[in-house]
Amino acid sequence: MCKAWDDHKKRDIQEGRYLEIYSLVQDGIIEPELGAKRLNMTFADFERAMQKECVKLFSK
C-alpha cells in the first residue's frame, strides 16, 4: 500500500508541474518551445497537451 501511495503522490506532483508550465506559457512568461523542452516533449505533443487542458498557447 505504501508503494501505491508513493506512486499516486508522484503523479500528482508531475501533473502539478505540467499545469504550472502550461500557465507560464499562457501568461507569456516563457516561450512554448521552452515549455515543451522543460517537459521533455516535442512541440506538437506539448501543444496538444495544452489544448487538452483547455489552455491557449500564448503567441507573440
Protein backbone atom coordinates (compact mmCIF):
# COMPACT_ATOMS: atom_id res chain seq x y z
CA MET A 1 0.00 0.00 0.00
CA CYS A 2 2.90 2.36 0.68
CA LYS A 3 4.15 1.97 -2.92
CA ALA A 4 0.68 2.78 -4.27
CA TRP A 5 0.60 5.93 -2.15
CA ASP A 6 4.06 6.95 -3.37
CA ASP A 7 3.05 6.39 -7.00
CA HIS A 8 -0.10 8.47 -6.51
CA LYS A 9 1.89 11.28 -4.90
CA LYS A 10 4.44 11.28 -7.77
CA ARG A 11 1.63 11.50 -10.34
CA ASP A 12 0.12 14.48 -8.51
CA ILE A 13 3.47 16.25 -8.39
CA GLN A 14 4.08 15.60 -12.10
CA GLU A 15 0.60 16.83 -13.02
CA GLY A 16 1.15 20.00 -10.99
CA ARG A 17 4.44 20.60 -12.77
CA TYR A 18 2.77 20.28 -16.16
CA LEU A 19 -0.02 22.68 -15.18
CA GLU A 20 2.49 25.20 -13.83
CA ILE A 21 4.47 25.20 -17.08
CA TYR A 22 1.26 25.49 -19.14
CA SER A 23 0.34 28.51 -17.02
CA LEU A 24 3.78 30.11 -17.51
CA VAL A 25 3.42 29.70 -21.27
CA GLN A 26 -0.14 31.03 -21.29
CA ASP A 27 0.90 34.09 -19.29
CA GLY A 28 3.78 34.75 -21.70
CA ILE A 29 6.47 34.27 -19.07
CA ILE A 30 8.19 31.51 -21.05
CA GLU A 31 8.00 30.59 -24.72
CA PRO A 32 6.03 27.49 -25.74
CA GLU A 33 9.20 25.87 -27.11
CA LEU A 34 10.87 26.20 -23.72
CA GLY A 35 7.81 24.73 -22.01
CA ALA A 36 7.97 21.73 -24.30
CA LYS A 37 11.69 21.33 -23.63
CA ARG A 38 11.19 21.55 -19.85
CA LEU A 39 8.65 18.73 -20.03
CA ASN A 40 10.75 16.65 -22.45
CA MET A 41 8.05 16.79 -25.10
CA THR A 42 8.00 17.65 -28.76
CA PHE A 43 6.40 20.99 -29.51
CA ALA A 44 3.46 19.25 -31.22
CA ASP A 45 2.87 17.00 -28.19
CA PHE A 46 3.14 19.99 -25.88
CA GLU A 47 0.62 21.96 -27.92
CA ARG A 48 -1.83 19.04 -27.91
CA ALA A 49 -1.41 18.57 -24.17
CA MET A 50 -2.09 22.25 -23.52
CA GLN A 51 -5.17 22.16 -25.72
CA LYS A 52 -6.37 19.08 -23.89
CA GLU A 53 -6.09 21.05 -20.65
CA CYS A 54 -8.11 23.87 -22.28
CA VAL A 55 -5.20 26.29 -22.27
CA LYS A 56 -4.39 28.52 -25.22
CA LEU A 57 -0.85 28.84 -26.47
CA PHE A 58 0.50 32.30 -25.96
CA SER A 59 1.95 33.72 -29.13
CA LYS A 60 3.78 36.99 -29.54
